[in-house]
């Protein structure tokens, strides 16, 4: 099982044209001088746990995203990716991509 700890993160809901909704974590990592920034979109949230200042999102693949509560938000890169996802969804009838922010555990239940 892989464990990821993004520098920045947001939760998004993707709704298909059939009305099926999947919740995902969009994570960003800052690369610095020698390595560029990167991002990942998890396989879909199956469970959310709270551990002090952290949310732990478990995905369909079994991976965990350990997300610090104070790091919710996008990087410059993931802001562009999120915008592209929303634009592409708007072009497809019935599809929708929505930002779930600020994320709360109660909202996931």
PDB file of N, CA and C in Angstrom:
ATOM      1  N   UNK A   1       0.847  -1.176   0.000  1.00  0.00           N
ATOM      2  CA  UNK A   1       0.000   0.000   0.000  1.00  0.00           C
ATOM      3  C   UNK A   1       0.892   1.237   0.000  1.00  0.00           C
ATOM      4  N   UNK A   2       0.653   2.124  -0.939  1.00  0.00           N
ATOM      5  CA  UNK A   2       1.415   3.364  -1.033  1.00  0.00           C
ATOM      6  C   UNK A   2       0.804   4.422  -0.121  1.00  0.00           C
ATOM      7  N   UNK A   3       1.670   5.224   0.468  1.00  0.00           N
ATOM      8  CA  UNK A   3       1.233   6.338   1.298  1.00  0.00           C
ATOM      9  C   UNK A   3       1.802   7.613   0.696  1.00  0.00           C
ATOM     10  N   UNK A   4       0.930   8.573   0.432  1.00  0.00           N
ATOM     11  CA  UNK A   4       1.326   9.847  -0.158  1.00  0.00           C
ATOM     12  C   UNK A   4       1.019  10.976   0.821  1.00  0.00           C
ATOM     13  N   UNK A   5       1.920  11.942   0.890  1.00  0.00           N
ATOM     14  CA  UNK A   5       1.722  13.109   1.744  1.00  0.00           C
ATOM     15  C   UNK A   5       1.933  14.358   0.892  1.00  0.00           C
ATOM     16  N   UNK A   6       0.874  14.863   0.284  1.00  0.00           N
ATOM     17  CA  UNK A   6       1.026  16.026  -0.602  1.00  0.00           C
ATOM     18  C   UNK A   6       1.316  17.312   0.177  1.00  0.00           C
ATOM     19  N   UNK A   7       1.989  18.235  -0.513  1.00  0.00           N
ATOM     20  CA  UNK A   7       2.256  19.559   0.060  1.00  0.00           C
ATOM     21  C   UNK A   7       0.992  20.414   0.057  1.00  0.00           C
ATOM     22  N   UNK A   8       0.165  20.238  -0.956  1.00  0.00           N
ATOM     23  CA  UNK A   8      -1.126  20.923  -1.078  1.00  0.00           C
ATOM     24  C   UNK A   8      -2.126  19.891  -1.574  1.00  0.00           C
ATOM     25  N   UNK A   9      -3.407  20.065  -1.212  1.00  0.00           N
ATOM     26  CA  UNK A   9      -4.416  19.077  -1.609  1.00  0.00           C
ATOM     27  C   UNK A   9      -5.803  19.709  -1.609  1.00  0.00           C
ATOM     28  N   UNK A  10      -6.667  19.161  -2.438  1.00  0.00           N
ATOM     29  CA  UNK A  10      -8.089  19.499  -2.441  1.00  0.00           C
ATOM     30  C   UNK A  10      -8.873  18.229  -2.728  1.00  0.00           C
ATOM     31  N   UNK A  11     -10.130  18.258  -2.361  1.00  0.00           N
ATOM     32  CA  UNK A  11     -11.043  17.158  -2.651  1.00  0.00           C
ATOM     33  C   UNK A  11     -11.989  17.636  -3.741  1.00  0.00           C
ATOM     34  N   UNK A  12     -12.207  16.784  -4.734  1.00  0.00           N
ATOM     35  CA  UNK A  12     -13.143  17.115  -5.810  1.00  0.00           C
ATOM     36  C   UNK A  12     -14.168  16.005  -5.954  1.00  0.00           C
ATOM     37  N   UNK A  13     -15.349  16.386  -6.400  1.00  0.00           N
ATOM     38  CA  UNK A  13     -16.400  15.427  -6.755  1.00  0.00           C
ATOM     39  C   UNK A  13     -16.549  15.444  -8.263  1.00  0.00           C
ATOM     40  N   UNK A  14     -16.517  14.259  -8.860  1.00  0.00           N
ATOM     41  CA  UNK A  14     -16.715  14.121 -10.297  1.00  0.00           C
ATOM     42  C   UNK A  14     -18.017  13.359 -10.504  1.00  0.00           C
ATOM     43  N   UNK A  15     -18.955  13.979 -11.216  1.00  0.00           N
ATOM     44  CA  UNK A  15     -20.237  13.352 -11.506  1.00  0.00           C
ATOM     45  C   UNK A  15     -20.300  13.043 -12.994  1.00  0.00           C
ATOM     46  N   UNK A  16     -20.628  11.791 -13.321  1.00  0.00           N
ATOM     47  CA  UNK A  16     -20.707  11.373 -14.724  1.00  0.00           C
ATOM     48  C   UNK A  16     -22.097  11.668 -15.281  1.00  0.00           C
ATOM     49  N   UNK A  17     -22.244  11.452 -16.570  1.00  0.00           N
ATOM     50  CA  UNK A  17     -23.525  11.686 -17.232  1.00  0.00           C
ATOM     51  C   UNK A  17     -24.605  10.708 -16.773  1.00  0.00           C
ATOM     52  N   UNK A  18     -24.219   9.631 -16.085  1.00  0.00           N
ATOM     53  CA  UNK A  18     -25.204   8.690 -15.548  1.00  0.00           C
ATOM     54  C   UNK A  18     -25.600   9.043 -14.113  1.00  0.00           C
ATOM     55  N   UNK A  19     -24.992  10.107 -13.575  1.00  0.00           N
ATOM     56  CA  UNK A  19     -25.288  10.531 -12.211  1.00  0.00           C
ATOM     57  C   UNK A  19     -24.395   9.906 -11.156  1.00  0.00           C
ATOM     58  N   UNK A  20     -23.469   9.043 -11.587  1.00  0.00           N
ATOM     59  CA  UNK A  20     -22.538   8.429 -10.650  1.00  0.00           C
ATOM     60  C   UNK A  20     -21.531   9.473 -10.189  1.00  0.00           C
ATOM     61  N   UNK A  21     -21.351   9.559  -8.867  1.00  0.00           N
ATOM     62  CA  UNK A  21     -20.421  10.532  -8.305  1.00  0.00           C
ATOM     63  C   UNK A  21     -19.265   9.804  -7.640  1.00  0.00           C
ATOM     64  N   UNK A  22     -18.058  10.297  -7.883  1.00  0.00           N
ATOM     65  CA  UNK A  22     -16.870   9.771  -7.233  1.00  0.00           C
ATOM     66  C   UNK A  22     -16.103  10.940  -6.626  1.00  0.00           C
ATOM     67  N   UNK A  23     -15.639  10.741  -5.421  1.00  0.00           N
ATOM     68  CA  UNK A  23     -14.860  11.767  -4.703  1.00  0.00           C
ATOM     69  C   UNK A  23     -13.393  11.388  -4.811  1.00  0.00           C
ATOM     70  N   UNK A  24     -12.548  12.365  -5.150  1.00  0.00           N
ATOM     71  CA  UNK A  24     -11.116  12.124  -5.336  1.00  0.00           C
ATOM     72  C   UNK A  24     -10.297  13.197  -4.651  1.00  0.00           C
ATOM     73  N   UNK A  25      -9.050  12.850  -4.352  1.00  0.00           N
ATOM     74  CA  UNK A  25      -8.089  13.802  -3.808  1.00  0.00           C
ATOM     75  C   UNK A  25      -7.136  14.201  -4.924  1.00  0.00           C
ATOM     76  N   UNK A  26      -6.964  15.502  -5.120  1.00  0.00           N
ATOM     77  CA  UNK A  26      -5.989  16.043  -6.063  1.00  0.00           C
ATOM     78  C   UNK A  26      -4.844  16.601  -5.226  1.00  0.00           C
ATOM     79  N   UNK A  27      -3.691  15.952  -5.298  1.00  0.00           N
ATOM     80  CA  UNK A  27      -2.546  16.338  -4.474  1.00  0.00           C
ATOM     81  C   UNK A  27      -1.436  16.960  -5.296  1.00  0.00           C
ATOM     82  N   UNK A  28      -0.705  17.880  -4.663  1.00  0.00           N
ATOM     83  CA  UNK A  28       0.415  18.561  -5.313  1.00  0.00           C
ATOM     84  C   UNK A  28       1.662  18.448  -4.444  1.00  0.00           C
ATOM     85  N   UNK A  29       2.793  18.276  -5.110  1.00  0.00           N
ATOM     86  CA  UNK A  29       4.086  18.238  -4.430  1.00  0.00           C
ATOM     87  C   UNK A  29       4.993  19.264  -5.082  1.00  0.00           C
ATOM     88  N   UNK A  30       5.663  20.058  -4.249  1.00  0.00           N
ATOM     89  CA  UNK A  30       6.611  21.042  -4.757  1.00  0.00           C
ATOM     90  C   UNK A  30       7.952  20.353  -4.976  1.00  0.00           C
ATOM     91  N   UNK A  31       8.543  20.593  -6.136  1.00  0.00           N
ATOM     92  CA  UNK A  31       9.772  19.889  -6.487  1.00  0.00           C
ATOM     93  C   UNK A  31      11.050  20.610  -6.123  1.00  0.00           C
ATOM     94  N   UNK A  32      11.036  21.923  -6.140  1.00  0.00           N
ATOM     95  CA  UNK A  32      12.256  22.653  -5.848  1.00  0.00           C
ATOM     96  C   UNK A  32      13.135  22.820  -7.071  1.00  0.00           C
ATOM     97  N   UNK A  33      14.402  23.074  -6.834  1.00  0.00           N
ATOM     98  CA  UNK A  33      15.338  23.408  -7.902  1.00  0.00           C
ATOM     99  C   UNK A  33      15.637  22.236  -8.834  1.00  0.00           C
ATOM    100  N   UNK A  34      15.972  21.092  -8.287  1.00  0.00           N
ATOM    101  CA  UNK A  34      16.440  19.969  -9.107  1.00  0.00           C
ATOM    102  C   UNK A  34      15.316  19.129  -9.693  1.00  0.00           C
ATOM    103  N   UNK A  35      14.139  19.222  -9.123  1.00  0.00           N
ATOM    104  CA  UNK A  35      13.036  18.366  -9.556  1.00  0.00           C
ATOM    105  C   UNK A  35      11.782  19.231  -9.680  1.00  0.00           C
ATOM    106  N   UNK A  36      11.031  19.074 -10.754  1.00  0.00           N
ATOM    107  CA  UNK A  36       9.838  19.881 -10.969  1.00  0.00           C
ATOM    108  C   UNK A  36       8.688  19.495 -10.056  1.00  0.00           C
ATOM    109  N   UNK A  37       7.702  20.367  -9.998  1.00  0.00           N
ATOM    110  CA  UNK A  37       6.492  20.084  -9.233  1.00  0.00           C
ATOM    111  C   UNK A  37       5.773  18.885  -9.849  1.00  0.00           C
ATOM    112  N   UNK A  38       4.970  18.212  -9.034  1.00  0.00           N
ATOM    113  CA  UNK A  38       4.217  17.067  -9.537  1.00  0.00           C
ATOM    114  C   UNK A  38       2.835  17.041  -8.896  1.00  0.00           C
ATOM    115  N   UNK A  39       1.982  16.187  -9.441  1.00  0.00           N
ATOM    116  CA  UNK A  39       0.622  16.063  -8.923  1.00  0.00           C
ATOM    117  C   UNK A  39       0.128  14.643  -9.136  1.00  0.00           C
ATOM    118  N   UNK A  40      -0.903  14.282  -8.369  1.00  0.00           N
ATOM    119  CA  UNK A  40      -1.561  12.981  -8.494  1.00  0.00           C
ATOM    120  C   UNK A  40      -3.038  13.165  -8.193  1.00  0.00           C
ATOM    121  N   UNK A  41      -3.849  12.352  -8.840  1.00  0.00           N
ATOM    122  CA  UNK A  41      -5.277  12.281  -8.563  1.00  0.00           C
ATOM    123  C   UNK A  41      -5.528  10.861  -8.075  1.00  0.00           C
ATOM    124  N   UNK A  42      -6.066  10.716  -6.859  1.00  0.00           N
ATOM    125  CA  UNK A  42      -6.202   9.357  -6.329  1.00  0.00           C
ATOM    126  C   UNK A  42      -7.300   8.586  -7.061  1.00  0.00           C
ATOM    127  N   UNK A  43      -7.383   7.301  -6.756  1.00  0.00           N
ATOM    128  CA  UNK A  43      -8.301   6.401  -7.466  1.00  0.00           C
ATOM    129  C   UNK A  43      -9.759   6.600  -7.077  1.00  0.00           C
ATOM    130  N   UNK A  44      -9.998   7.326  -6.022  1.00  0.00           N
ATOM    131  CA  UNK A  44     -11.350   7.546  -5.522  1.00  0.00           C
ATOM    132  C   UNK A  44     -11.375   7.250  -4.036  1.00  0.00           C
ATOM    133  N   UNK A  45     -12.026   8.085  -3.283  1.00  0.00           N
ATOM    134  CA  UNK A  45     -12.027   7.970  -1.825  1.00  0.00           C
ATOM    135  C   UNK A  45     -13.056   6.929  -1.388  1.00  0.00           C
ATOM    136  N   UNK A  46     -12.592   5.944  -0.624  1.00  0.00           N
ATOM    137  CA  UNK A  46     -13.487   4.929  -0.068  1.00  0.00           C
ATOM    138  C   UNK A  46     -13.710   5.143   1.426  1.00  0.00           C
ATOM    139  N   UNK A  47     -12.763   5.810   2.067  1.00  0.00           N
ATOM    140  CA  UNK A  47     -12.841   6.021   3.511  1.00  0.00           C
ATOM    141  C   UNK A  47     -12.017   7.247   3.878  1.00  0.00           C
ATOM    142  N   UNK A  48     -12.483   7.978   4.894  1.00  0.00           N
ATOM    143  CA  UNK A  48     -11.722   9.115   5.419  1.00  0.00           C
ATOM    144  C   UNK A  48     -11.606   8.946   6.921  1.00  0.00           C
ATOM    145  N   UNK A  49     -10.374   9.077   7.411  1.00  0.00           N
ATOM    146  CA  UNK A  49     -10.115   9.015   8.847  1.00  0.00           C
ATOM    147  C   UNK A  49      -9.486  10.329   9.276  1.00  0.00           C
ATOM    148  N   UNK A  50      -9.627  10.638  10.532  1.00  0.00           N
ATOM    149  CA  UNK A  50      -9.027  11.844  11.083  1.00  0.00           C
ATOM    150  C   UNK A  50      -7.988  11.417  12.110  1.00  0.00           C
ATOM    151  N   UNK A  51      -6.809  12.014  12.041  1.00  0.00           N
ATOM    152  CA  UNK A  51      -5.729  11.711  12.974  1.00  0.00           C
ATOM    153  C   UNK A  51      -5.105  13.033  13.414  1.00  0.00           C
ATOM    154  N   UNK A  52      -5.709  13.657  14.421  1.00  0.00           N
ATOM    155  CA  UNK A  52      -5.217  14.951  14.888  1.00  0.00           C
ATOM    156  C   UNK A  52      -5.364  16.016  13.816  1.00  0.00           C
ATOM    157  N   UNK A  53      -4.238  16.552  13.352  1.00  0.00           N
ATOM    158  CA  UNK A  53      -4.233  17.603  12.329  1.00  0.00           C
ATOM    159  C   UNK A  53      -4.248  17.059  10.909  1.00  0.00           C
ATOM    160  N   UNK A  54      -4.515  15.783  10.754  1.00  0.00           N
ATOM    161  CA  UNK A  54      -4.440  15.127   9.447  1.00  0.00           C
ATOM    162  C   UNK A  54      -5.768  14.475   9.069  1.00  0.00           C
ATOM    163  N   UNK A  55      -6.071  14.518   7.771  1.00  0.00           N
ATOM    164  CA  UNK A  55      -7.096  13.675   7.185  1.00  0.00           C
ATOM    165  C   UNK A  55      -6.353  12.556   6.457  1.00  0.00           C
ATOM    166  N   UNK A  56      -6.834  11.349   6.586  1.00  0.00           N
ATOM    167  CA  UNK A  56      -6.262  10.220   5.863  1.00  0.00           C
ATOM    168  C   UNK A  56      -7.337   9.697   4.918  1.00  0.00           C
ATOM    169  N   UNK A  57      -7.096   9.866   3.631  1.00  0.00           N
ATOM    170  CA  UNK A  57      -8.028   9.431   2.597  1.00  0.00           C
ATOM    171  C   UNK A  57      -7.546   8.088   2.055  1.00  0.00           C
ATOM    172  N   UNK A  58      -8.395   7.084   2.153  1.00  0.00           N
ATOM    173  CA  UNK A  58      -8.073   5.750   1.630  1.00  0.00           C
ATOM    174  C   UNK A  58      -8.740   5.629   0.264  1.00  0.00           C
ATOM    175  N   UNK A  59      -7.977   5.157  -0.717  1.00  0.00           N
ATOM    176  CA  UNK A  59      -8.491   5.049  -2.074  1.00  0.00           C
ATOM    177  C   UNK A  59      -8.875   3.636  -2.461  1.00  0.00           C
ATOM    178  N   UNK A  60      -9.560   3.508  -3.593  1.00  0.00           N
ATOM    179  CA  UNK A  60      -9.948   2.201  -4.126  1.00  0.00           C
ATOM    180  C   UNK A  60      -8.735   1.302  -4.330  1.00  0.00           C
ATOM    181  N   UNK A  61      -7.605   1.888  -4.672  1.00  0.00           N
ATOM    182  CA  UNK A  61      -6.396   1.102  -4.919  1.00  0.00           C
ATOM    183  C   UNK A  61      -5.729   0.644  -3.627  1.00  0.00           C
ATOM    184  N   UNK A  62      -6.208   1.162  -2.480  1.00  0.00           N
ATOM    185  CA  UNK A  62      -5.600   0.832  -1.200  1.00  0.00           C
ATOM    186  C   UNK A  62      -4.590   1.862  -0.732  1.00  0.00           C
ATOM    187  N   UNK A  63      -4.251   2.802  -1.598  1.00  0.00           N
ATOM    188  CA  UNK A  63      -3.293   3.832  -1.208  1.00  0.00           C
ATOM    189  C   UNK A  63      -3.927   4.796  -0.211  1.00  0.00           C
ATOM    190  N   UNK A  64      -3.074   5.454   0.555  1.00  0.00           N
ATOM    191  CA  UNK A  64      -3.521   6.455   1.515  1.00  0.00           C
ATOM    192  C   UNK A  64      -2.901   7.797   1.183  1.00  0.00           C
ATOM    193  N   UNK A  65      -3.719   8.821   1.275  1.00  0.00           N
ATOM    194  CA  UNK A  65      -3.245  10.194   1.145  1.00  0.00           C
ATOM    195  C   UNK A  65      -3.350  10.817   2.527  1.00  0.00           C
ATOM    196  N   UNK A  66      -2.201  11.117   3.139  1.00  0.00           N
ATOM    197  CA  UNK A  66      -2.153  11.767   4.448  1.00  0.00           C
ATOM    198  C   UNK A  66      -2.065  13.270   4.186  1.00  0.00           C
ATOM    199  N   UNK A  67      -3.161  13.966   4.471  1.00  0.00           N
ATOM    200  CA  UNK A  67      -3.277  15.385   4.107  1.00  0.00           C
ATOM    201  C   UNK A  67      -3.392  16.244   5.365  1.00  0.00           C
ATOM    202  N   UNK A  68      -2.415  17.121   5.552  1.00  0.00           N
ATOM    203  CA  UNK A  68      -2.455  18.014   6.712  1.00  0.00           C
ATOM    204  C   UNK A  68      -3.581  19.021   6.502  1.00  0.00           C
ATOM    205  N   UNK A  69      -4.355  19.235   7.550  1.00  0.00           N
ATOM    206  CA  UNK A  69      -5.527  20.116   7.450  1.00  0.00           C
ATOM    207  C   UNK A  69      -5.152  21.535   7.047  1.00  0.00           C
ATOM    208  N   UNK A  70      -3.968  22.015   7.458  1.00  0.00           N
ATOM    209  CA  UNK A  70      -3.551  23.382   7.125  1.00  0.00           C
ATOM    210  C   UNK A  70      -3.019  23.520   5.706  1.00  0.00           C
ATOM    211  N   UNK A  71      -2.921  22.419   4.974  1.00  0.00           N
ATOM    212  CA  UNK A  71      -2.357  22.460   3.615  1.00  0.00           C
ATOM    213  C   UNK A  71      -3.425  22.305   2.538  1.00  0.00           C
ATOM    214  N   UNK A  72      -4.694  22.444   2.918  1.00  0.00           N
ATOM    215  CA  UNK A  72      -5.764  22.336   1.924  1.00  0.00           C
ATOM    216  C   UNK A  72      -5.688  23.516   0.976  1.00  0.00           C
ATOM    217  N   UNK A  73      -5.740  23.238  -0.303  1.00  0.00           N
ATOM    218  CA  UNK A  73      -5.679  24.267  -1.339  1.00  0.00           C
ATOM    219  C   UNK A  73      -4.890  23.749  -2.526  1.00  0.00           C
ATOM    220  N   UNK A  74      -4.832  24.540  -3.567  1.00  0.00           N
ATOM    221  CA  UNK A  74      -4.129  24.125  -4.777  1.00  0.00           C
ATOM    222  C   UNK A  74      -2.776  24.807  -4.874  1.00  0.00           C
ATOM    223  N   UNK A  75      -1.886  24.174  -5.615  1.00  0.00           N
ATOM    224  CA  UNK A  75      -0.655  24.825  -6.045  1.00  0.00           C
ATOM    225  C   UNK A  75      -0.981  25.530  -7.358  1.00  0.00           C
ATOM    226  N   UNK A  76      -0.040  26.258  -7.896  1.00  0.00           N
ATOM    227  CA  UNK A  76      -0.266  26.890  -9.208  1.00  0.00           C
ATOM    228  C   UNK A  76      -0.568  25.810 -10.254  1.00  0.00           C
ATOM    229  N   UNK A  77       0.154  24.706 -10.186  1.00  0.00           N
ATOM    230  CA  UNK A  77      -0.031  23.634 -11.162  1.00  0.00           C
ATOM    231  C   UNK A  77      -1.409  22.995 -11.016  1.00  0.00           C
ATOM    232  N   UNK A  78      -1.795  22.623  -9.795  1.00  0.00           N
ATOM    233  CA  UNK A  78      -3.071  21.927  -9.637  1.00  0.00           C
ATOM    234  C   UNK A  78      -4.263  22.866  -9.812  1.00  0.00           C
ATOM    235  N   UNK A  79      -4.068  24.170  -9.618  1.00  0.00           N
ATOM    236  CA  UNK A  79      -5.142  25.120  -9.922  1.00  0.00           C
ATOM    237  C   UNK A  79      -5.454  25.066 -11.419  1.00  0.00           C
ATOM    238  N   UNK A  80      -4.411  24.989 -12.242  1.00  0.00           N
ATOM    239  CA  UNK A  80      -4.601  24.875 -13.684  1.00  0.00           C
ATOM    240  C   UNK A  80      -5.219  23.545 -14.082  1.00  0.00           C
ATOM    241  N   UNK A  81      -4.789  22.475 -13.445  1.00  0.00           N
ATOM    242  CA  UNK A  81      -5.330  21.147 -13.732  1.00  0.00           C
ATOM    243  C   UNK A  81      -6.805  21.083 -13.353  1.00  0.00           C
ATOM    244  N   UNK A  82      -7.143  21.619 -12.177  1.00  0.00           N
ATOM    245  CA  UNK A  82      -8.532  21.638 -11.741  1.00  0.00           C
ATOM    246  C   UNK A  82      -9.390  22.450 -12.701  1.00  0.00           C
ATOM    247  N   UNK A  83      -8.892  23.582 -13.141  1.00  0.00           N
ATOM    248  CA  UNK A  83      -9.617  24.403 -14.108  1.00  0.00           C
ATOM    249  C   UNK A  83      -9.852  23.633 -15.409  1.00  0.00           C
ATOM    250  N   UNK A  84      -8.829  22.925 -15.869  1.00  0.00           N
ATOM    251  CA  UNK A  84      -8.964  22.124 -17.096  1.00  0.00           C
ATOM    252  C   UNK A  84      -9.999  21.007 -16.918  1.00  0.00           C
ATOM    253  N   UNK A  85      -9.975  20.337 -15.768  1.00  0.00           N
ATOM    254  CA  UNK A  85     -10.953  19.277 -15.499  1.00  0.00           C
ATOM    255  C   UNK A  85     -12.376  19.835 -15.526  1.00  0.00           C
ATOM    256  N   UNK A  86     -12.566  20.987 -14.917  1.00  0.00           N
ATOM    257  CA  UNK A  86     -13.897  21.607 -14.881  1.00  0.00           C
ATOM    258  C   UNK A  86     -14.347  22.027 -16.276  1.00  0.00           C
ATOM    259  N   UNK A  87     -13.425  22.590 -17.046  1.00  0.00           N
ATOM    260  CA  UNK A  87     -13.751  23.014 -18.413  1.00  0.00           C
ATOM    261  C   UNK A  87     -14.120  21.820 -19.285  1.00  0.00           C
ATOM    262  N   UNK A  88     -13.344  20.734 -19.181  1.00  0.00           N
ATOM    263  CA  UNK A  88     -13.638  19.541 -19.971  1.00  0.00           C
ATOM    264  C   UNK A  88     -14.992  18.945 -19.587  1.00  0.00           C
ATOM    265  N   UNK A  89     -15.308  18.950 -18.283  1.00  0.00           N
ATOM    266  CA  UNK A  89     -16.597  18.415 -17.829  1.00  0.00           C
ATOM    267  C   UNK A  89     -17.758  19.245 -18.383  1.00  0.00           C
ATOM    268  N   UNK A  90     -17.578  20.569 -18.419  1.00  0.00           N
ATOM    269  CA  UNK A  90     -18.632  21.454 -18.933  1.00  0.00           C
ATOM    270  C   UNK A  90     -18.951  21.164 -20.394  1.00  0.00           C
ATOM    271  N   UNK A  91     -17.994  20.655 -21.139  1.00  0.00           N
ATOM    272  CA  UNK A  91     -18.179  20.361 -22.564  1.00  0.00           C
ATOM    273  C   UNK A  91     -18.917  19.044 -22.801  1.00  0.00           C
ATOM    274  N   UNK A  92     -19.074  18.262 -21.731  1.00  0.00           N
ATOM    275  CA  UNK A  92     -19.730  16.956 -21.858  1.00  0.00           C
ATOM    276  C   UNK A  92     -21.060  16.996 -21.126  1.00  0.00           C
ATOM    277  N   UNK A  93     -22.159  16.805 -21.828  1.00  0.00           N
ATOM    278  CA  UNK A  93     -23.482  16.875 -21.192  1.00  0.00           C
ATOM    279  C   UNK A  93     -23.599  15.930 -19.995  1.00  0.00           C
ATOM    280  N   UNK A  94     -24.063  16.479 -18.886  1.00  0.00           N
ATOM    281  CA  UNK A  94     -24.292  15.682 -17.687  1.00  0.00           C
ATOM    282  C   UNK A  94     -23.089  15.520 -16.778  1.00  0.00           C
ATOM    283  N   UNK A  95     -21.903  15.876 -17.236  1.00  0.00           N
ATOM    284  CA  UNK A  95     -20.697  15.725 -16.420  1.00  0.00           C
ATOM    285  C   UNK A  95     -20.474  16.987 -15.592  1.00  0.00           C
ATOM    286  N   UNK A  96     -19.894  16.804 -14.409  1.00  0.00           N
ATOM    287  CA  UNK A  96     -19.613  17.947 -13.546  1.00  0.00           C
ATOM    288  C   UNK A  96     -18.409  17.628 -12.666  1.00  0.00           C
ATOM    289  N   UNK A  97     -17.544  18.615 -12.471  1.00  0.00           N
ATOM    290  CA  UNK A  97     -16.426  18.518 -11.533  1.00  0.00           C
ATOM    291  C   UNK A  97     -16.581  19.666 -10.555  1.00  0.00           C
ATOM    292  N   UNK A  98     -16.650  19.333  -9.265  1.00  0.00           N
ATOM    293  CA  UNK A  98     -16.869  20.345  -8.233  1.00  0.00           C
ATOM    294  C   UNK A  98     -15.790  20.257  -7.165  1.00  0.00           C
ATOM    295  N   UNK A  99     -15.357  21.410  -6.704  1.00  0.00           N
ATOM    296  CA  UNK A  99     -14.399  21.510  -5.620  1.00  0.00           C
ATOM    297  C   UNK A  99     -15.148  21.398  -4.295  1.00  0.00           C
ATOM    298  N   UNK A 100     -14.682  20.540  -3.393  1.00  0.00           N
ATOM    299  CA  UNK A 100     -15.293  20.354  -2.081  1.00  0.00           C
ATOM    300  C   UNK A 100     -14.373  21.049  -1.069  1.00  0.00           C
ATOM    301  N   UNK A 101     -14.662  22.309  -0.770  1.00  0.00           N
ATOM    302  CA  UNK A 101     -13.791  23.055   0.127  1.00  0.00           C
ATOM    303  C   UNK A 101     -14.591  24.050   0.945  1.00  0.00           C
ATOM    304  N   UNK A 102     -14.252  24.251   2.188  1.00  0.00           N
ATOM    305  CA  UNK A 102     -13.246  23.476   2.917  1.00  0.00           C
ATOM    306  C   UNK A 102     -13.779  22.083   3.223  1.00  0.00           C
ATOM    307  N   UNK A 103     -12.893  21.107   3.186  1.00  0.00           N
ATOM    308  CA  UNK A 103     -13.312  19.727   3.440  1.00  0.00           C
ATOM    309  C   UNK A 103     -13.576  19.544   4.920  1.00  0.00           C
ATOM    310  N   UNK A 104     -14.676  18.872   5.232  1.00  0.00           N
ATOM    311  CA  UNK A 104     -14.978  18.501   6.619  1.00  0.00           C
ATOM    312  C   UNK A 104     -15.325  17.018   6.640  1.00  0.00           C
ATOM    313  N   UNK A 105     -15.009  16.385   7.705  1.00  0.00           N
ATOM    314  CA  UNK A 105     -15.305  14.964   7.833  1.00  0.00           C
ATOM    315  C   UNK A 105     -16.803  14.720   7.832  1.00  0.00           C
ATOM    316  N   UNK A 106     -17.584  15.617   8.434  1.00  0.00           N
ATOM    317  CA  UNK A 106     -19.025  15.474   8.475  1.00  0.00           C
ATOM    318  C   UNK A 106     -19.631  15.488   7.074  1.00  0.00           C
ATOM    319  N   UNK A 107     -19.057  16.276   6.185  1.00  0.00           N
ATOM    320  CA  UNK A 107     -19.581  16.374   4.821  1.00  0.00           C
ATOM    321  C   UNK A 107     -19.360  15.076   4.046  1.00  0.00           C
ATOM    322  N   UNK A 108     -18.335  14.340   4.416  1.00  0.00           N
ATOM    323  CA  UNK A 108     -18.026  13.084   3.710  1.00  0.00           C
ATOM    324  C   UNK A 108     -18.998  11.980   4.100  1.00  0.00           C
ATOM    325  N   UNK A 109     -19.514  12.051   5.297  1.00  0.00           N
ATOM    326  CA  UNK A 109     -20.366  10.958   5.802  1.00  0.00           C
ATOM    327  C   UNK A 109     -21.629  10.782   4.990  1.00  0.00           C
TER     328      UNK A 109
END
